[in-house]
Amino acid sequence: MPNLGATELLIVLVIVILIFGVGKLPQLGRGLGQSIREFRSSLAGDEAKEEEEEEAEEEKQEESAE
């Protein structure tokens, strides 16, 4: 794959702005970043740790509700 220069990146940015609009760009970036973090954590095996933490939080919420 050839390297992308400044001109190519500018063209891609203009196309993205035309498709999504300026207002949606922060949401698009946030969603992309979150997806990348989740992908990396699943590769690292952190998913099991996250599930345990979620279960512990659910138990705390149930105890506080009673």
N, C-alpha and C. Protein backbone atom coordinates (compact mmCIF):
# COMPACT_ATOMS: atom_id res chain seq x y z
N MET A 1 0.84 -1.16 0.00
CA MET A 1 0.00 0.00 0.00
C MET A 1 0.90 1.24 0.00
N PRO A 2 0.68 2.13 -0.90
CA PRO A 2 1.53 3.32 -0.95
C PRO A 2 1.24 4.25 0.23
N ASN A 3 2.23 5.05 0.54
CA ASN A 3 2.08 6.03 1.63
C ASN A 3 1.08 7.11 1.23
N LEU A 4 0.29 7.54 2.19
CA LEU A 4 -0.66 8.62 1.94
C LEU A 4 0.01 9.96 2.20
N GLY A 5 -0.08 10.84 1.24
CA GLY A 5 0.49 12.18 1.39
C GLY A 5 -0.55 13.14 1.93
N ALA A 6 -0.15 14.38 2.05
CA ALA A 6 -1.04 15.41 2.59
C ALA A 6 -2.25 15.63 1.68
N THR A 7 -2.04 15.58 0.37
CA THR A 7 -3.14 15.81 -0.56
C THR A 7 -4.19 14.71 -0.44
N GLU A 8 -3.75 13.46 -0.35
CA GLU A 8 -4.69 12.35 -0.23
C GLU A 8 -5.47 12.42 1.08
N LEU A 9 -4.79 12.76 2.17
CA LEU A 9 -5.47 12.88 3.46
C LEU A 9 -6.49 14.01 3.45
N LEU A 10 -6.15 15.11 2.78
CA LEU A 10 -7.09 16.22 2.66
C LEU A 10 -8.33 15.82 1.88
N ILE A 11 -8.15 15.07 0.81
CA ILE A 11 -9.29 14.60 0.01
C ILE A 11 -10.18 13.69 0.84
N VAL A 12 -9.58 12.78 1.60
CA VAL A 12 -10.36 11.87 2.46
C VAL A 12 -11.12 12.66 3.51
N LEU A 13 -10.50 13.65 4.10
CA LEU A 13 -11.15 14.48 5.12
C LEU A 13 -12.35 15.23 4.53
N VAL A 14 -12.19 15.77 3.34
CA VAL A 14 -13.29 16.48 2.70
C VAL A 14 -14.45 15.54 2.41
N ILE A 15 -14.15 14.34 1.96
CA ILE A 15 -15.21 13.36 1.68
C ILE A 15 -15.94 12.97 2.96
N VAL A 16 -15.20 12.76 4.04
CA VAL A 16 -15.82 12.41 5.32
C VAL A 16 -16.72 13.53 5.81
N ILE A 17 -16.26 14.77 5.68
CA ILE A 17 -17.08 15.91 6.10
C ILE A 17 -18.35 16.01 5.26
N LEU A 18 -18.23 15.75 3.96
CA LEU A 18 -19.41 15.80 3.10
C LEU A 18 -20.42 14.71 3.45
N ILE A 19 -19.93 13.54 3.80
CA ILE A 19 -20.82 12.42 4.10
C ILE A 19 -21.47 12.57 5.48
N PHE A 20 -20.66 12.84 6.50
CA PHE A 20 -21.16 12.85 7.87
C PHE A 20 -21.53 14.23 8.40
N GLY A 21 -20.96 15.27 7.85
CA GLY A 21 -21.21 16.61 8.35
C GLY A 21 -20.28 16.93 9.49
N VAL A 22 -20.11 18.21 9.76
CA VAL A 22 -19.18 18.67 10.78
C VAL A 22 -19.65 18.28 12.18
N GLY A 23 -20.96 18.30 12.42
CA GLY A 23 -21.49 18.01 13.74
C GLY A 23 -21.30 16.57 14.19
N LYS A 24 -21.22 15.64 13.26
CA LYS A 24 -21.09 14.23 13.60
C LYS A 24 -19.65 13.77 13.77
N LEU A 25 -18.68 14.59 13.40
CA LEU A 25 -17.28 14.17 13.47
C LEU A 25 -16.83 13.81 14.88
N PRO A 26 -17.17 14.57 15.93
CA PRO A 26 -16.74 14.16 17.27
C PRO A 26 -17.34 12.81 17.69
N GLN A 27 -18.59 12.58 17.35
CA GLN A 27 -19.22 11.30 17.69
C GLN A 27 -18.56 10.16 16.92
N LEU A 28 -18.24 10.41 15.67
CA LEU A 28 -17.58 9.40 14.84
C LEU A 28 -16.21 9.05 15.42
N GLY A 29 -15.45 10.07 15.80
CA GLY A 29 -14.13 9.84 16.39
C GLY A 29 -14.20 9.12 17.72
N ARG A 30 -15.19 9.49 18.55
CA ARG A 30 -15.36 8.84 19.85
C ARG A 30 -15.70 7.36 19.68
N GLY A 31 -16.60 7.07 18.75
CA GLY A 31 -16.99 5.69 18.50
C GLY A 31 -15.84 4.87 17.96
N LEU A 32 -15.05 5.46 17.07
CA LEU A 32 -13.90 4.76 16.52
C LEU A 32 -12.87 4.47 17.61
N GLY A 33 -12.61 5.46 18.47
CA GLY A 33 -11.65 5.26 19.56
C GLY A 33 -12.10 4.19 20.53
N GLN A 34 -13.39 4.19 20.86
CA GLN A 34 -13.92 3.18 21.77
C GLN A 34 -13.82 1.79 21.15
N SER A 35 -14.10 1.67 19.88
CA SER A 35 -14.00 0.39 19.20
C SER A 35 -12.57 -0.13 19.20
N ILE A 36 -11.62 0.75 18.97
CA ILE A 36 -10.21 0.34 18.97
C ILE A 36 -9.79 -0.11 20.37
N ARG A 37 -10.22 0.62 21.41
CA ARG A 37 -9.88 0.22 22.79
C ARG A 37 -10.46 -1.13 23.13
N GLU A 38 -11.71 -1.37 22.76
CA GLU A 38 -12.33 -2.67 23.04
C GLU A 38 -11.63 -3.79 22.28
N PHE A 39 -11.24 -3.53 21.05
CA PHE A 39 -10.54 -4.54 20.26
C PHE A 39 -9.20 -4.89 20.90
N ARG A 40 -8.45 -3.87 21.30
CA ARG A 40 -7.16 -4.11 21.93
C ARG A 40 -7.30 -4.86 23.25
N SER A 41 -8.30 -4.50 24.03
CA SER A 41 -8.47 -5.18 25.32
C SER A 41 -8.88 -6.63 25.12
N SER A 42 -9.65 -6.91 24.09
CA SER A 42 -10.04 -8.30 23.84
C SER A 42 -8.84 -9.12 23.35
N LEU A 43 -7.93 -8.48 22.62
CA LEU A 43 -6.72 -9.19 22.20
C LEU A 43 -5.81 -9.48 23.37
N ALA A 44 -5.80 -8.57 24.33
CA ALA A 44 -4.92 -8.72 25.49
C ALA A 44 -5.50 -9.67 26.54
N GLY A 45 -6.74 -10.08 26.39
CA GLY A 45 -7.36 -10.97 27.36
C GLY A 45 -7.93 -10.25 28.54
N ASP A 46 -8.15 -8.97 28.45
CA ASP A 46 -8.69 -8.19 29.55
C ASP A 46 -10.20 -8.34 29.66
N GLU A 47 -10.80 -9.03 28.72
CA GLU A 47 -12.26 -9.15 28.71
C GLU A 47 -12.75 -9.87 29.96
N ALA A 48 -12.03 -10.91 30.39
CA ALA A 48 -12.44 -11.65 31.57
C ALA A 48 -12.40 -10.74 32.81
N LYS A 49 -11.39 -9.89 32.89
CA LYS A 49 -11.28 -8.97 34.01
C LYS A 49 -12.43 -7.98 34.01
N GLU A 50 -12.78 -7.47 32.83
CA GLU A 50 -13.88 -6.52 32.73
C GLU A 50 -15.20 -7.15 33.16
N GLU A 51 -15.41 -8.41 32.78
CA GLU A 51 -16.65 -9.10 33.15
C GLU A 51 -16.73 -9.26 34.66
N GLU A 52 -15.60 -9.59 35.30
CA GLU A 52 -15.59 -9.74 36.75
C GLU A 52 -15.89 -8.41 37.43
N GLU A 53 -15.33 -7.34 36.91
CA GLU A 53 -15.59 -6.02 37.48
C GLU A 53 -17.06 -5.63 37.32
N GLU A 54 -17.64 -5.94 36.17
CA GLU A 54 -19.05 -5.63 35.94
C GLU A 54 -19.94 -6.42 36.89
N GLU A 55 -19.61 -7.69 37.11
CA GLU A 55 -20.39 -8.51 38.04
C GLU A 55 -20.29 -7.96 39.46
N ALA A 56 -19.10 -7.53 39.84
CA ALA A 56 -18.92 -6.97 41.18
C ALA A 56 -19.72 -5.68 41.34
N GLU A 57 -19.76 -4.85 40.31
CA GLU A 57 -20.55 -3.62 40.37
C GLU A 57 -22.04 -3.93 40.45
N GLU A 58 -22.50 -4.93 39.72
CA GLU A 58 -23.90 -5.31 39.78
C GLU A 58 -24.28 -5.81 41.17
N GLU A 59 -23.38 -6.57 41.79
CA GLU A 59 -23.65 -7.06 43.14
C GLU A 59 -23.73 -5.90 44.13
N LYS A 60 -22.86 -4.92 43.98
CA LYS A 60 -22.87 -3.75 44.86
C LYS A 60 -24.18 -2.97 44.69
N GLN A 61 -24.65 -2.86 43.46
CA GLN A 61 -25.89 -2.14 43.21
C GLN A 61 -27.09 -2.88 43.79
N GLU A 62 -27.06 -4.19 43.71
CA GLU A 62 -28.15 -4.99 44.28
C GLU A 62 -28.17 -4.88 45.79
N GLU A 63 -26.98 -4.88 46.40
CA GLU A 63 -26.90 -4.77 47.86
C GLU A 63 -27.37 -3.39 48.33
N SER A 64 -27.03 -2.37 47.59
CA SER A 64 -27.41 -1.02 48.00
C SER A 64 -28.91 -0.77 47.77
N ALA A 65 -29.51 -1.52 46.84
CA ALA A 65 -30.94 -1.36 46.55
C ALA A 65 -31.80 -2.01 47.64
N GLU A 66 -31.22 -2.97 48.34
CA GLU A 66 -32.00 -3.69 49.38
C GLU A 66 -32.06 -2.95 50.66
